[in-house]
Amino acid sequence: MLLTLALILFVLWALGVFAFKITAGVIHLVLVVALIVGLVHLFRGRRA
C-alpha cells in the first residue's frame, strides 16, 4: 500500500516537472513526501 502511494506521488511529481510547470515548491514537496513514504515502506518491511 505504501509503495503504491509512493509510486503515485513520484509519477505526479514527474508530471508536474515535465508537463504542467507547477511551482517549484509544490513539486519538491510531493517528491519529499514520496521519498518519505518509500523509506517508511522499506524500513517497516512486510508484516503479514
C-alpha atoms as a PDB file:
ATOM      1  CA  MET A   1       0.000   0.000   0.000  1.00  0.00           C
ATOM      2  CA  LEU A   2       2.726   2.470   0.954  1.00  0.00           C
ATOM      3  CA  LEU A   3       4.812   1.509  -2.055  1.00  0.00           C
ATOM      4  CA  THR A   4       1.848   2.160  -4.344  1.00  0.00           C
ATOM      5  CA  LEU A   5       1.320   5.553  -2.733  1.00  0.00           C
ATOM      6  CA  ALA A   6       4.999   6.394  -3.159  1.00  0.00           C
ATOM      7  CA  LEU A   7       4.873   5.425  -6.841  1.00  0.00           C
ATOM      8  CA  ILE A   8       1.757   7.518  -7.438  1.00  0.00           C
ATOM      9  CA  LEU A   9       3.351  10.531  -5.750  1.00  0.00           C
ATOM     10  CA  PHE A  10       6.520  10.070  -7.807  1.00  0.00           C
ATOM     11  CA  VAL A  11       4.512   9.942 -11.042  1.00  0.00           C
ATOM     12  CA  LEU A  12       2.613  13.095 -10.036  1.00  0.00           C
ATOM     13  CA  TRP A  13       5.928  14.797  -9.320  1.00  0.00           C
ATOM     14  CA  ALA A  14       7.320  13.782 -12.704  1.00  0.00           C
ATOM     15  CA  LEU A  15       4.176  15.040 -14.464  1.00  0.00           C
ATOM     16  CA  GLY A  16       4.410  18.311 -12.583  1.00  0.00           C
ATOM     17  CA  VAL A  17       8.023  18.822 -13.584  1.00  0.00           C
ATOM     18  CA  PHE A  18       7.726  17.914 -17.253  1.00  0.00           C
ATOM     19  CA  ALA A  19       4.119  18.617 -18.227  1.00  0.00           C
ATOM     20  CA  PHE A  20       2.388  21.189 -16.079  1.00  0.00           C
ATOM     21  CA  LYS A  21       5.128  23.553 -14.849  1.00  0.00           C
ATOM     22  CA  ILE A  22       3.735  23.752 -11.310  1.00  0.00           C
ATOM     23  CA  THR A  23       5.614  25.968  -8.871  1.00  0.00           C
ATOM     24  CA  ALA A  24       8.915  24.503  -7.717  1.00  0.00           C
ATOM     25  CA  GLY A  25       7.955  24.344  -4.033  1.00  0.00           C
ATOM     26  CA  VAL A  26       4.927  22.130  -4.611  1.00  0.00           C
ATOM     27  CA  ILE A  27       6.830  19.814  -6.937  1.00  0.00           C
ATOM     28  CA  HIS A  28       9.628  19.279  -4.461  1.00  0.00           C
ATOM     29  CA  LEU A  29       7.197  18.842  -1.584  1.00  0.00           C
ATOM     30  CA  VAL A  30       5.488  15.990  -3.456  1.00  0.00           C
ATOM     31  CA  LEU A  31       8.887  14.412  -4.148  1.00  0.00           C
ATOM     32  CA  VAL A  32       9.899  14.601  -0.492  1.00  0.00           C
ATOM     33  CA  VAL A  33       6.606  13.036   0.617  1.00  0.00           C
ATOM     34  CA  ALA A  34       7.052  10.216  -1.930  1.00  0.00           C
ATOM     35  CA  LEU A  35      10.584   9.546  -0.693  1.00  0.00           C
ATOM     36  CA  ILE A  36       9.472   9.502   2.944  1.00  0.00           C
ATOM     37  CA  VAL A  37       6.646   7.073   2.189  1.00  0.00           C
ATOM     38  CA  GLY A  38       9.052   4.852   0.236  1.00  0.00           C
ATOM     39  CA  LEU A  39      11.575   4.842   3.079  1.00  0.00           C
ATOM     40  CA  VAL A  40       8.885   4.037   5.642  1.00  0.00           C
ATOM     41  CA  HIS A  41       7.806   1.111   3.496  1.00  0.00           C
ATOM     42  CA  LEU A  42      11.401  -0.064   3.116  1.00  0.00           C
ATOM     43  CA  PHE A  43      12.185   0.040   6.836  1.00  0.00           C
ATOM     44  CA  ARG A  44       8.889  -1.402   8.035  1.00  0.00           C
ATOM     45  CA  GLY A  45       9.022  -4.271   5.581  1.00  0.00           C
ATOM     46  CA  ARG A  46       6.250  -6.765   5.067  1.00  0.00           C
ATOM     47  CA  ARG A  47       4.482  -7.851   8.193  1.00  0.00           C
ATOM     48  CA  ALA A  48       1.869 -10.393   7.238  1.00  0.00           C
END
